Amino acid sequence: TDGGVFAAYDCDWPPVIHWEVESAYERLLAKSEILIAE
């Protein structure tokens, strides 16, 4: 409608908790992207 609103919203991953937990999360996701390419 006129004046209507569109919104795209996203989380930043990983959720904030502690650097050791977040680092392990990031290593898992980074490895998954490498494997997808392979």
ModelCIF file with pLDDT and N, C-alpha, C, O atoms, coordinates in Angstrom:
data_MODEL
#
_entry.id   MODEL 
#
_entity.id                         1 
_entity.type                       polymer 
_entity.pdbx_number_of_molecules   1 
#
_entity_poly.entity_id                      1 
_entity_poly.type                           'polypeptide(L)' 
_entity_poly.nstd_linkage                   no 
_entity_poly.nstd_monomer                   no 
_entity_poly.pdbx_seq_one_letter_code       TDGGVFAAYDCDWPPVIHWEVESAYERLLAKSEILIAE 
_entity_poly.pdbx_seq_one_letter_code_can   TDGGVFAAYDCDWPPVIHWEVESAYERLLAKSEILIAE 
_entity_poly.pdbx_strand_id                 A 
#
loop_
_entity_poly_seq.entity_id 
_entity_poly_seq.num 
_entity_poly_seq.mon_id 
_entity_poly_seq.hetero 
1 1  THR n 
1 2  ASP n 
1 3  GLY n 
1 4  GLY n 
1 5  VAL n 
1 6  PHE n 
1 7  ALA n 
1 8  ALA n 
1 9  TYR n 
1 10 ASP n 
1 11 CYS n 
1 12 ASP n 
1 13 TRP n 
1 14 PRO n 
1 15 PRO n 
1 16 VAL n 
1 17 ILE n 
1 18 HIS n 
1 19 TRP n 
1 20 GLU n 
1 21 VAL n 
1 22 GLU n 
1 23 SER n 
1 24 ALA n 
1 25 TYR n 
1 26 GLU n 
1 27 ARG n 
1 28 LEU n 
1 29 LEU n 
1 30 ALA n 
1 31 LYS n 
1 32 SER n 
1 33 GLU n 
1 34 ILE n 
1 35 LEU n 
1 36 ILE n 
1 37 ALA n 
1 38 GLU n 
#
_struct_asym.id          A 
_struct_asym.entity_id   1 
#
loop_
_ma_qa_metric.id 
_ma_qa_metric.mode 
_ma_qa_metric.name 
_ma_qa_metric.software_group_id 
_ma_qa_metric.type 
1 global pLDDT . pLDDT 
2 local  pLDDT . pLDDT 
#
_ma_qa_metric_global.metric_id      1 
_ma_qa_metric_global.metric_value   96.32 
_ma_qa_metric_global.model_id       1 
_ma_qa_metric_global.ordinal_id     1 
#
loop_
_ma_qa_metric_local.label_asym_id 
_ma_qa_metric_local.label_comp_id 
_ma_qa_metric_local.label_seq_id 
_ma_qa_metric_local.metric_id 
_ma_qa_metric_local.metric_value 
_ma_qa_metric_local.model_id 
_ma_qa_metric_local.ordinal_id 
A THR 1  2 98.00 1 1  
A ASP 2  2 98.00 1 2  
A GLY 3  2 98.00 1 3  
A GLY 4  2 98.00 1 4  
A VAL 5  2 98.00 1 5  
A PHE 6  2 98.00 1 6  
A ALA 7  2 98.00 1 7  
A ALA 8  2 98.00 1 8  
A TYR 9  2 98.00 1 9  
A ASP 10 2 97.00 1 10 
A CYS 11 2 95.00 1 11 
A ASP 12 2 96.00 1 12 
A TRP 13 2 96.00 1 13 
A PRO 14 2 97.00 1 14 
A PRO 15 2 97.00 1 15 
A VAL 16 2 98.00 1 16 
A ILE 17 2 97.00 1 17 
A HIS 18 2 98.00 1 18 
A TRP 19 2 98.00 1 19 
A GLU 20 2 98.00 1 20 
A VAL 21 2 98.00 1 21 
A GLU 22 2 98.00 1 22 
A SER 23 2 98.00 1 23 
A ALA 24 2 98.00 1 24 
A TYR 25 2 97.00 1 25 
A GLU 26 2 97.00 1 26 
A ARG 27 2 97.00 1 27 
A LEU 28 2 97.00 1 28 
A LEU 29 2 95.00 1 29 
A ALA 30 2 95.00 1 30 
A LYS 31 2 95.00 1 31 
A SER 32 2 94.00 1 32 
A GLU 33 2 93.00 1 33 
A ILE 34 2 94.00 1 34 
A LEU 35 2 93.00 1 35 
A ILE 36 2 90.00 1 36 
A ALA 37 2 91.00 1 37 
A GLU 38 2 91.00 1 38 
#
loop_
_atom_site.group_PDB 
_atom_site.id 
_atom_site.type_symbol 
_atom_site.label_atom_id 
_atom_site.label_alt_id 
_atom_site.label_comp_id 
_atom_site.label_asym_id 
_atom_site.label_entity_id 
_atom_site.label_seq_id 
_atom_site.pdbx_PDB_ins_code 
_atom_site.Cartn_x 
_atom_site.Cartn_y 
_atom_site.Cartn_z 
_atom_site.occupancy 
_atom_site.B_iso_or_equiv 
_atom_site.pdbx_formal_charge 
_atom_site.auth_seq_id 
_atom_site.auth_comp_id 
_atom_site.auth_asym_id 
_atom_site.auth_atom_id 
_atom_site.pdbx_PDB_model_num 
ATOM 1   N N  . THR A 1 1  ? 0.836  -1.187  0.000  1.00 98.00 ? 1  THR A N  1 
ATOM 2   C CA . THR A 1 1  ? 0.000  0.000   0.000  1.00 98.00 ? 1  THR A CA 1 
ATOM 3   C C  . THR A 1 1  ? 0.878  1.247   0.000  1.00 98.00 ? 1  THR A C  1 
ATOM 4   O O  . THR A 1 1  ? 2.073  1.161   0.283  1.00 98.00 ? 1  THR A O  1 
ATOM 5   N N  . ASP A 1 2  ? 0.304  2.391   -0.311 1.00 98.00 ? 2  ASP A N  1 
ATOM 6   C CA . ASP A 1 2  ? 1.036  3.655   -0.239 1.00 98.00 ? 2  ASP A CA 1 
ATOM 7   C C  . ASP A 1 2  ? 1.461  3.884   1.211  1.00 98.00 ? 2  ASP A C  1 
ATOM 8   O O  . ASP A 1 2  ? 0.626  3.862   2.115  1.00 98.00 ? 2  ASP A O  1 
ATOM 9   N N  . GLY A 1 3  ? 2.753  4.102   1.431  1.00 98.00 ? 3  GLY A N  1 
ATOM 10  C CA . GLY A 1 3  ? 3.275  4.240   2.786  1.00 98.00 ? 3  GLY A CA 1 
ATOM 11  C C  . GLY A 1 3  ? 3.591  2.912   3.444  1.00 98.00 ? 3  GLY A C  1 
ATOM 12  O O  . GLY A 1 3  ? 4.036  2.874   4.591  1.00 98.00 ? 3  GLY A O  1 
ATOM 13  N N  . GLY A 1 4  ? 3.361  1.814   2.722  1.00 98.00 ? 4  GLY A N  1 
ATOM 14  C CA . GLY A 1 4  ? 3.678  0.488   3.254  1.00 98.00 ? 4  GLY A CA 1 
ATOM 15  C C  . GLY A 1 4  ? 5.177  0.295   3.416  1.00 98.00 ? 4  GLY A C  1 
ATOM 16  O O  . GLY A 1 4  ? 5.972  1.039   2.840  1.00 98.00 ? 4  GLY A O  1 
ATOM 17  N N  . VAL A 1 5  ? 5.560  -0.706  4.201  1.00 98.00 ? 5  VAL A N  1 
ATOM 18  C CA . VAL A 1 5  ? 6.960  -0.887  4.586  1.00 98.00 ? 5  VAL A CA 1 
ATOM 19  C C  . VAL A 1 5  ? 7.445  -2.284  4.196  1.00 98.00 ? 5  VAL A C  1 
ATOM 20  O O  . VAL A 1 5  ? 6.767  -3.285  4.426  1.00 98.00 ? 5  VAL A O  1 
ATOM 21  N N  . PHE A 1 6  ? 8.626  -2.319  3.607  1.00 98.00 ? 6  PHE A N  1 
ATOM 22  C CA . PHE A 1 6  ? 9.348  -3.574  3.365  1.00 98.00 ? 6  PHE A CA 1 
ATOM 23  C C  . PHE A 1 6  ? 10.509 -3.657  4.338  1.00 98.00 ? 6  PHE A C  1 
ATOM 24  O O  . PHE A 1 6  ? 11.201 -2.666  4.571  1.00 98.00 ? 6  PHE A O  1 
ATOM 25  N N  . ALA A 1 7  ? 10.724 -4.839  4.910  1.00 98.00 ? 7  ALA A N  1 
ATOM 26  C CA . ALA A 1 7  ? 11.839 -5.015  5.846  1.00 98.00 ? 7  ALA A CA 1 
ATOM 27  C C  . ALA A 1 7  ? 12.494 -6.369  5.644  1.00 98.00 ? 7  ALA A C  1 
ATOM 28  O O  . ALA A 1 7  ? 11.829 -7.405  5.651  1.00 98.00 ? 7  ALA A O  1 
ATOM 29  N N  . ALA A 1 8  ? 13.808 -6.346  5.464  1.00 98.00 ? 8  ALA A N  1 
ATOM 30  C CA . ALA A 1 8  ? 14.626 -7.553  5.443  1.00 98.00 ? 8  ALA A CA 1 
ATOM 31  C C  . ALA A 1 8  ? 15.492 -7.530  6.693  1.00 98.00 ? 8  ALA A C  1 
ATOM 32  O O  . ALA A 1 8  ? 16.288 -6.609  6.878  1.00 98.00 ? 8  ALA A O  1 
ATOM 33  N N  . TYR A 1 9  ? 15.347 -8.532  7.553  1.00 98.00 ? 9  TYR A N  1 
ATOM 34  C CA . TYR A 1 9  ? 16.131 -8.528  8.790  1.00 98.00 ? 9  TYR A CA 1 
ATOM 35  C C  . TYR A 1 9  ? 16.781 -9.888  9.009  1.00 98.00 ? 9  TYR A C  1 
ATOM 36  O O  . TYR A 1 9  ? 16.231 -10.933 8.665  1.00 98.00 ? 9  TYR A O  1 
ATOM 37  N N  . ASP A 1 10 ? 17.988 -9.831  9.602  1.00 97.00 ? 10 ASP A N  1 
ATOM 38  C CA . ASP A 1 10 ? 18.821 -11.014 9.746  1.00 97.00 ? 10 ASP A CA 1 
ATOM 39  C C  . ASP A 1 10 ? 19.566 -10.990 11.073 1.00 97.00 ? 10 ASP A C  1 
ATOM 40  O O  . ASP A 1 10 ? 19.865 -9.931  11.627 1.00 97.00 ? 10 ASP A O  1 
ATOM 41  N N  . CYS A 1 11 ? 19.856 -12.193 11.565 1.00 95.00 ? 11 CYS A N  1 
ATOM 42  C CA . CYS A 1 11 ? 20.756 -12.340 12.715 1.00 95.00 ? 11 CYS A CA 1 
ATOM 43  C C  . CYS A 1 11 ? 22.204 -12.260 12.250 1.00 95.00 ? 11 CYS A C  1 
ATOM 44  O O  . CYS A 1 11 ? 22.520 -12.608 11.112 1.00 95.00 ? 11 CYS A O  1 
ATOM 45  N N  . ASP A 1 12 ? 23.071 -11.803 13.129 1.00 96.00 ? 12 ASP A N  1 
ATOM 46  C CA . ASP A 1 12 ? 24.503 -12.012 12.950 1.00 96.00 ? 12 ASP A CA 1 
ATOM 47  C C  . ASP A 1 12 ? 24.857 -13.345 13.612 1.00 96.00 ? 12 ASP A C  1 
ATOM 48  O O  . ASP A 1 12 ? 24.568 -13.545 14.792 1.00 96.00 ? 12 ASP A O  1 
ATOM 49  N N  . TRP A 1 13 ? 25.471 -14.242 12.873 1.00 96.00 ? 13 TRP A N  1 
ATOM 50  C CA . TRP A 1 13 ? 25.875 -15.536 13.428 1.00 96.00 ? 13 TRP A CA 1 
ATOM 51  C C  . TRP A 1 13 ? 27.357 -15.530 13.745 1.00 96.00 ? 13 TRP A C  1 
ATOM 52  O O  . TRP A 1 13 ? 28.111 -14.919 12.987 1.00 96.00 ? 13 TRP A O  1 
ATOM 53  N N  . PRO A 1 14 ? 27.826 -16.157 14.796 1.00 97.00 ? 14 PRO A N  1 
ATOM 54  C CA . PRO A 1 14 ? 27.023 -16.866 15.797 1.00 97.00 ? 14 PRO A CA 1 
ATOM 55  C C  . PRO A 1 14 ? 26.452 -15.925 16.841 1.00 97.00 ? 14 PRO A C  1 
ATOM 56  O O  . PRO A 1 14 ? 26.920 -14.794 16.977 1.00 97.00 ? 14 PRO A O  1 
ATOM 57  N N  . PRO A 1 15 ? 25.436 -16.378 17.589 1.00 97.00 ? 15 PRO A N  1 
ATOM 58  C CA . PRO A 1 15 ? 24.939 -15.582 18.706 1.00 97.00 ? 15 PRO A CA 1 
ATOM 59  C C  . PRO A 1 15 ? 26.061 -15.326 19.718 1.00 97.00 ? 15 PRO A C  1 
ATOM 60  O O  . PRO A 1 15 ? 26.982 -16.132 19.853 1.00 97.00 ? 15 PRO A O  1 
ATOM 61  N N  . VAL A 1 16 ? 25.973 -14.201 20.422 1.00 98.00 ? 16 VAL A N  1 
ATOM 62  C CA . VAL A 1 16 ? 27.044 -13.754 21.315 1.00 98.00 ? 16 VAL A CA 1 
ATOM 63  C C  . VAL A 1 16 ? 26.976 -14.498 22.647 1.00 98.00 ? 16 VAL A C  1 
ATOM 64  O O  . VAL A 1 16 ? 25.968 -14.435 23.350 1.00 98.00 ? 16 VAL A O  1 
ATOM 65  N N  . ILE A 1 17 ? 28.069 -15.213 22.993 1.00 97.00 ? 17 ILE A N  1 
ATOM 66  C CA . ILE A 1 17 ? 28.114 -15.916 24.275 1.00 97.00 ? 17 ILE A CA 1 
ATOM 67  C C  . ILE A 1 17 ? 29.517 -15.915 24.890 1.00 97.00 ? 17 ILE A C  1 
ATOM 68  O O  . ILE A 1 17 ? 29.684 -15.472 26.026 1.00 97.00 ? 17 ILE A O  1 
ATOM 69  N N  . HIS A 1 18 ? 30.536 -16.408 24.154 1.00 98.00 ? 18 HIS A N  1 
ATOM 70  C CA . HIS A 1 18 ? 31.916 -16.452 24.656 1.00 98.00 ? 18 HIS A CA 1 
ATOM 71  C C  . HIS A 1 18 ? 32.817 -16.767 23.472 1.00 98.00 ? 18 HIS A C  1 
ATOM 72  O O  . HIS A 1 18 ? 32.445 -17.526 22.578 1.00 98.00 ? 18 HIS A O  1 
ATOM 73  N N  . TRP A 1 19 ? 34.003 -16.175 23.480 1.00 98.00 ? 19 TRP A N  1 
ATOM 74  C CA . TRP A 1 19 ? 34.849 -16.273 22.285 1.00 98.00 ? 19 TRP A CA 1 
ATOM 75  C C  . TRP A 1 19 ? 35.235 -17.703 21.944 1.00 98.00 ? 19 TRP A C  1 
ATOM 76  O O  . TRP A 1 19 ? 35.348 -18.032 20.764 1.00 98.00 ? 19 TRP A O  1 
ATOM 77  N N  . GLU A 1 20 ? 35.441 -18.564 22.934 1.00 98.00 ? 20 GLU A N  1 
ATOM 78  C CA . GLU A 1 20 ? 35.841 -19.946 22.629 1.00 98.00 ? 20 GLU A CA 1 
ATOM 79  C C  . GLU A 1 20 ? 34.702 -20.708 21.949 1.00 98.00 ? 20 GLU A C  1 
ATOM 80  O O  . GLU A 1 20 ? 34.926 -21.451 20.994 1.00 98.00 ? 20 GLU A O  1 
ATOM 81  N N  . VAL A 1 21 ? 33.482 -20.515 22.448 1.00 98.00 ? 21 VAL A N  1 
ATOM 82  C CA . VAL A 1 21 ? 32.327 -21.181 21.845 1.00 98.00 ? 21 VAL A CA 1 
ATOM 83  C C  . VAL A 1 21 ? 32.084 -20.640 20.446 1.00 98.00 ? 21 VAL A C  1 
ATOM 84  O O  . VAL A 1 21 ? 31.833 -21.400 19.510 1.00 98.00 ? 21 VAL A O  1 
ATOM 85  N N  . GLU A 1 22 ? 32.158 -19.321 20.309 1.00 98.00 ? 22 GLU A N  1 
ATOM 86  C CA . GLU A 1 22 ? 31.932 -18.711 19.005 1.00 98.00 ? 22 GLU A CA 1 
ATOM 87  C C  . GLU A 1 22 ? 33.000 -19.128 17.992 1.00 98.00 ? 22 GLU A C  1 
ATOM 88  O O  . GLU A 1 22 ? 32.688 -19.346 16.821 1.00 98.00 ? 22 GLU A O  1 
ATOM 89  N N  . SER A 1 23 ? 34.236 -19.239 18.424 1.00 98.00 ? 23 SER A N  1 
ATOM 90  C CA . SER A 1 23 ? 35.311 -19.663 17.519 1.00 98.00 ? 23 SER A CA 1 
ATOM 91  C C  . SER A 1 23 ? 35.088 -21.072 17.009 1.00 98.00 ? 23 SER A C  1 
ATOM 92  O O  . SER A 1 23 ? 35.309 -21.355 15.831 1.00 98.00 ? 23 SER A O  1 
ATOM 93  N N  . ALA A 1 24 ? 34.648 -21.958 17.894 1.00 98.00 ? 24 ALA A N  1 
ATOM 94  C CA . ALA A 1 24 ? 34.372 -23.338 17.476 1.00 98.00 ? 24 ALA A CA 1 
ATOM 95  C C  . ALA A 1 24 ? 33.210 -23.379 16.496 1.00 98.00 ? 24 ALA A C  1 
ATOM 96  O O  . ALA A 1 24 ? 33.227 -24.150 15.536 1.00 98.00 ? 24 ALA A O  1 
ATOM 97  N N  . TYR A 1 25 ? 32.210 -22.556 16.738 1.00 97.00 ? 25 TYR A N  1 
ATOM 98  C CA . TYR A 1 25 ? 31.076 -22.427 15.807 1.00 97.00 ? 25 TYR A CA 1 
ATOM 99  C C  . TYR A 1 25 ? 31.583 -21.982 14.428 1.00 97.00 ? 25 TYR A C  1 
ATOM 100 O O  . TYR A 1 25 ? 31.234 -22.575 13.407 1.00 97.00 ? 25 TYR A O  1 
ATOM 101 N N  . GLU A 1 26 ? 32.405 -20.938 14.414 1.00 97.00 ? 26 GLU A N  1 
ATOM 102 C CA . GLU A 1 26 ? 32.899 -20.401 13.147 1.00 97.00 ? 26 GLU A CA 1 
ATOM 103 C C  . GLU A 1 26 ? 33.768 -21.403 12.400 1.00 97.00 ? 26 GLU A C  1 
ATOM 104 O O  . GLU A 1 26 ? 33.726 -21.458 11.171 1.00 97.00 ? 26 GLU A O  1 
ATOM 105 N N  . ARG A 1 27 ? 34.550 -22.190 13.117 1.00 97.00 ? 27 ARG A N  1 
ATOM 106 C CA . ARG A 1 27 ? 35.363 -23.220 12.456 1.00 97.00 ? 27 ARG A CA 1 
ATOM 107 C C  . ARG A 1 27 ? 34.478 -24.272 11.797 1.00 97.00 ? 27 ARG A C  1 
ATOM 108 O O  . ARG A 1 27 ? 34.769 -24.732 10.692 1.00 97.00 ? 27 ARG A O  1 
ATOM 109 N N  . LEU A 1 28 ? 33.408 -24.648 12.470 1.00 97.00 ? 28 LEU A N  1 
ATOM 110 C CA . LEU A 1 28 ? 32.475 -25.632 11.906 1.00 97.00 ? 28 LEU A CA 1 
ATOM 111 C C  . LEU A 1 28 ? 31.843 -25.096 10.625 1.00 97.00 ? 28 LEU A C  1 
ATOM 112 O O  . LEU A 1 28 ? 31.782 -25.804 9.620  1.00 97.00 ? 28 LEU A O  1 
ATOM 113 N N  . LEU A 1 29 ? 31.378 -23.864 10.657 1.00 95.00 ? 29 LEU A N  1 
ATOM 114 C CA . LEU A 1 29 ? 30.721 -23.296 9.473  1.00 95.00 ? 29 LEU A CA 1 
ATOM 115 C C  . LEU A 1 29 ? 31.708 -23.062 8.332  1.00 95.00 ? 29 LEU A C  1 
ATOM 116 O O  . LEU A 1 29 ? 31.371 -23.267 7.166  1.00 95.00 ? 29 LEU A O  1 
ATOM 117 N N  . ALA A 1 30 ? 32.927 -22.633 8.667  1.00 95.00 ? 30 ALA A N  1 
ATOM 118 C CA . ALA A 1 30 ? 33.940 -22.421 7.629  1.00 95.00 ? 30 ALA A CA 1 
ATOM 119 C C  . ALA A 1 30 ? 34.294 -23.744 6.950  1.00 95.00 ? 30 ALA A C  1 
ATOM 120 O O  . ALA A 1 30 ? 34.448 -23.797 5.730  1.00 95.00 ? 30 ALA A O  1 
ATOM 121 N N  . LYS A 1 31 ? 34.422 -24.797 7.730  1.00 95.00 ? 31 LYS A N  1 
ATOM 122 C CA . LYS A 1 31 ? 34.735 -26.117 7.154  1.00 95.00 ? 31 LYS A CA 1 
ATOM 123 C C  . LYS A 1 31 ? 33.591 -26.584 6.264  1.00 95.00 ? 31 LYS A C  1 
ATOM 124 O O  . LYS A 1 31 ? 33.830 -27.204 5.228  1.00 95.00 ? 31 LYS A O  1 
ATOM 125 N N  . SER A 1 32 ? 32.357 -26.297 6.652  1.00 94.00 ? 32 SER A N  1 
ATOM 126 C CA . SER A 1 32 ? 31.217 -26.722 5.834  1.00 94.00 ? 32 SER A CA 1 
ATOM 127 C C  . SER A 1 32 ? 31.260 -26.057 4.459  1.00 94.00 ? 32 SER A C  1 
ATOM 128 O O  . SER A 1 32 ? 30.926 -26.694 3.460  1.00 94.00 ? 32 SER A O  1 
ATOM 129 N N  . GLU A 1 33 ? 31.663 -24.795 4.390  1.00 93.00 ? 33 GLU A N  1 
ATOM 130 C CA . GLU A 1 33 ? 31.726 -24.104 3.100  1.00 93.00 ? 33 GLU A CA 1 
ATOM 131 C C  . GLU A 1 33 ? 32.830 -24.683 2.215  1.00 93.00 ? 33 GLU A C  1 
ATOM 132 O O  . GLU A 1 33 ? 32.663 -24.788 0.999  1.00 93.00 ? 33 GLU A O  1 
ATOM 133 N N  . ILE A 1 34 ? 33.940 -25.052 2.814  1.00 94.00 ? 34 ILE A N  1 
ATOM 134 C CA . ILE A 1 34 ? 35.021 -25.693 2.054  1.00 94.00 ? 34 ILE A CA 1 
ATOM 135 C C  . ILE A 1 34 ? 34.535 -27.018 1.475  1.00 94.00 ? 34 ILE A C  1 
ATOM 136 O O  . ILE A 1 34 ? 34.796 -27.330 0.314  1.00 94.00 ? 34 ILE A O  1 
ATOM 137 N N  . LEU A 1 35 ? 33.830 -27.789 2.288  1.00 93.00 ? 35 LEU A N  1 
ATOM 138 C CA . LEU A 1 35 ? 33.356 -29.100 1.860  1.00 93.00 ? 35 LEU A CA 1 
ATOM 139 C C  . LEU A 1 35 ? 32.277 -28.999 0.792  1.00 93.00 ? 35 LEU A C  1 
ATOM 140 O O  . LEU A 1 35 ? 32.211 -29.837 -0.108 1.00 93.00 ? 35 LEU A O  1 
ATOM 141 N N  . ILE A 1 36 ? 31.436 -27.981 0.887  1.00 90.00 ? 36 ILE A N  1 
ATOM 142 C CA . ILE A 1 36 ? 30.421 -27.786 -0.148 1.00 90.00 ? 36 ILE A CA 1 
ATOM 143 C C  . ILE A 1 36 ? 31.083 -27.605 -1.509 1.00 90.00 ? 36 ILE A C  1 
ATOM 144 O O  . ILE A 1 36 ? 30.626 -28.163 -2.507 1.00 90.00 ? 36 ILE A O  1 
ATOM 145 N N  . ALA A 1 37 ? 32.162 -26.822 -1.546 1.00 91.00 ? 37 ALA A N  1 
ATOM 146 C CA . ALA A 1 37 ? 32.882 -26.597 -2.806 1.00 91.00 ? 37 ALA A CA 1 
ATOM 147 C C  . ALA A 1 37 ? 33.495 -27.894 -3.333 1.00 91.00 ? 37 ALA A C  1 
ATOM 148 O O  . ALA A 1 37 ? 33.635 -28.070 -4.544 1.00 91.00 ? 37 ALA A O  1 
ATOM 149 N N  . GLU A 1 38 ? 33.857 -28.795 -2.428 1.00 91.00 ? 38 GLU A N  1 
ATOM 150 C CA . GLU A 1 38 ? 34.475 -30.059 -2.829 1.00 91.00 ? 38 GLU A CA 1 
ATOM 151 C C  . GLU A 1 38 ? 33.448 -31.123 -3.210 1.00 91.00 ? 38 GLU A C  1 
ATOM 152 O O  . GLU A 1 38 ? 33.820 -32.240 -3.570 1.00 91.00 ? 38 GLU A O  1 
#
